[in-house]
């Protein structure tokens, strides 16, 4: 593997991790909203 390929791989991994974090945060926000809406 060339250095460029390794960099692209690391970048892809970081992007997927960021997406997973954003998805997790979104789920937490939705859960909090649902809890607040409960009577």
N, C-alpha and C. Protein backbone atom coordinates (compact mmCIF):
# COMPACT_ATOMS: atom_id res chain seq x y z
N UNK A 1 0.84 -1.20 0.00
CA UNK A 1 0.00 0.00 0.00
C UNK A 1 0.87 1.25 0.00
N UNK A 2 0.52 2.21 -0.81
CA UNK A 2 1.26 3.46 -0.84
C UNK A 2 0.79 4.36 0.29
N UNK A 3 1.58 5.38 0.56
CA UNK A 3 1.19 6.31 1.63
C UNK A 3 -0.13 6.98 1.29
N UNK A 4 -0.33 7.29 0.01
CA UNK A 4 -1.58 7.96 -0.39
C UNK A 4 -2.78 7.07 -0.10
N UNK A 5 -2.65 5.78 -0.39
CA UNK A 5 -3.76 4.85 -0.14
C UNK A 5 -4.04 4.79 1.36
N UNK A 6 -2.99 4.77 2.16
CA UNK A 6 -3.17 4.70 3.61
C UNK A 6 -3.89 5.95 4.10
N UNK A 7 -3.51 7.10 3.55
CA UNK A 7 -4.16 8.35 3.97
C UNK A 7 -5.64 8.33 3.60
N UNK A 8 -5.94 7.87 2.38
CA UNK A 8 -7.34 7.81 1.97
C UNK A 8 -8.11 6.87 2.88
N UNK A 9 -7.51 5.75 3.26
CA UNK A 9 -8.18 4.79 4.15
C UNK A 9 -8.47 5.42 5.50
N UNK A 10 -7.47 6.12 6.05
CA UNK A 10 -7.67 6.76 7.35
C UNK A 10 -8.77 7.81 7.26
N UNK A 11 -8.78 8.54 6.15
CA UNK A 11 -9.79 9.59 5.99
C UNK A 11 -11.18 8.97 5.95
N UNK A 12 -11.30 7.86 5.23
CA UNK A 12 -12.61 7.19 5.13
C UNK A 12 -13.06 6.71 6.50
N UNK A 13 -12.12 6.17 7.27
CA UNK A 13 -12.48 5.68 8.61
C UNK A 13 -12.95 6.83 9.48
N UNK A 14 -12.24 7.95 9.40
CA UNK A 14 -12.64 9.11 10.22
C UNK A 14 -14.03 9.58 9.83
N UNK A 15 -14.32 9.61 8.53
CA UNK A 15 -15.63 10.07 8.09
C UNK A 15 -16.73 9.15 8.61
N UNK A 16 -16.48 7.83 8.55
CA UNK A 16 -17.51 6.91 9.04
C UNK A 16 -17.69 7.08 10.54
N UNK A 17 -16.59 7.29 11.27
CA UNK A 17 -16.70 7.48 12.72
C UNK A 17 -17.49 8.74 13.03
N UNK A 18 -17.23 9.81 12.27
CA UNK A 18 -17.98 11.05 12.49
C UNK A 18 -19.45 10.83 12.23
N UNK A 19 -19.78 10.10 11.16
CA UNK A 19 -21.19 9.84 10.85
C UNK A 19 -21.83 9.05 11.97
N UNK A 20 -21.11 8.06 12.50
CA UNK A 20 -21.68 7.25 13.58
C UNK A 20 -21.90 8.11 14.81
N UNK A 21 -20.95 9.01 15.09
CA UNK A 21 -21.11 9.91 16.25
C UNK A 21 -22.34 10.79 16.06
N UNK A 22 -22.46 11.38 14.86
CA UNK A 22 -23.60 12.26 14.60
C UNK A 22 -24.90 11.48 14.72
N UNK A 23 -24.92 10.25 14.20
CA UNK A 23 -26.14 9.44 14.29
C UNK A 23 -26.45 9.14 15.75
N UNK A 24 -25.43 8.83 16.54
CA UNK A 24 -25.64 8.53 17.95
C UNK A 24 -26.15 9.76 18.69
N UNK A 25 -25.56 10.91 18.42
CA UNK A 25 -26.01 12.14 19.08
C UNK A 25 -27.44 12.45 18.69
N UNK A 26 -27.78 12.24 17.41
CA UNK A 26 -29.14 12.49 16.96
C UNK A 26 -30.12 11.61 17.70
N UNK A 27 -29.76 10.34 17.89
CA UNK A 27 -30.65 9.42 18.59
C UNK A 27 -30.82 9.88 20.04
N UNK A 28 -29.72 10.31 20.66
CA UNK A 28 -29.82 10.77 22.05
C UNK A 28 -30.72 11.99 22.14
N UNK A 29 -30.57 12.91 21.20
CA UNK A 29 -31.41 14.11 21.21
C UNK A 29 -32.88 13.72 21.08
N UNK A 30 -33.17 12.81 20.17
CA UNK A 30 -34.55 12.37 19.97
C UNK A 30 -35.08 11.72 21.24
N UNK A 31 -34.26 10.91 21.90
CA UNK A 31 -34.70 10.26 23.13
C UNK A 31 -35.02 11.32 24.19
N UNK A 32 -34.18 12.34 24.30
CA UNK A 32 -34.44 13.39 25.29
C UNK A 32 -35.73 14.12 24.94
N UNK A 33 -35.95 14.39 23.67
CA UNK A 33 -37.19 15.07 23.28
C UNK A 33 -38.39 14.21 23.65
N UNK A 34 -38.29 12.92 23.39
CA UNK A 34 -39.41 12.02 23.71
C UNK A 34 -39.67 12.01 25.21
N UNK A 35 -38.60 12.01 26.01
CA UNK A 35 -38.77 11.98 27.46
C UNK A 35 -39.46 13.28 27.92
N UNK A 36 -39.04 14.41 27.34
CA UNK A 36 -39.63 15.69 27.72
C UNK A 36 -41.11 15.76 27.34
N UNK A 37 -41.47 15.07 26.26
CA UNK A 37 -42.86 15.13 25.79
C UNK A 37 -43.78 14.26 26.64
N UNK A 38 -43.22 13.34 27.41
CA UNK A 38 -44.07 12.46 28.22
C UNK A 38 -44.80 13.29 29.27
N UNK A 39 -46.05 13.00 29.54
CA UNK A 39 -46.83 13.74 30.54
C UNK A 39 -46.35 13.44 31.96
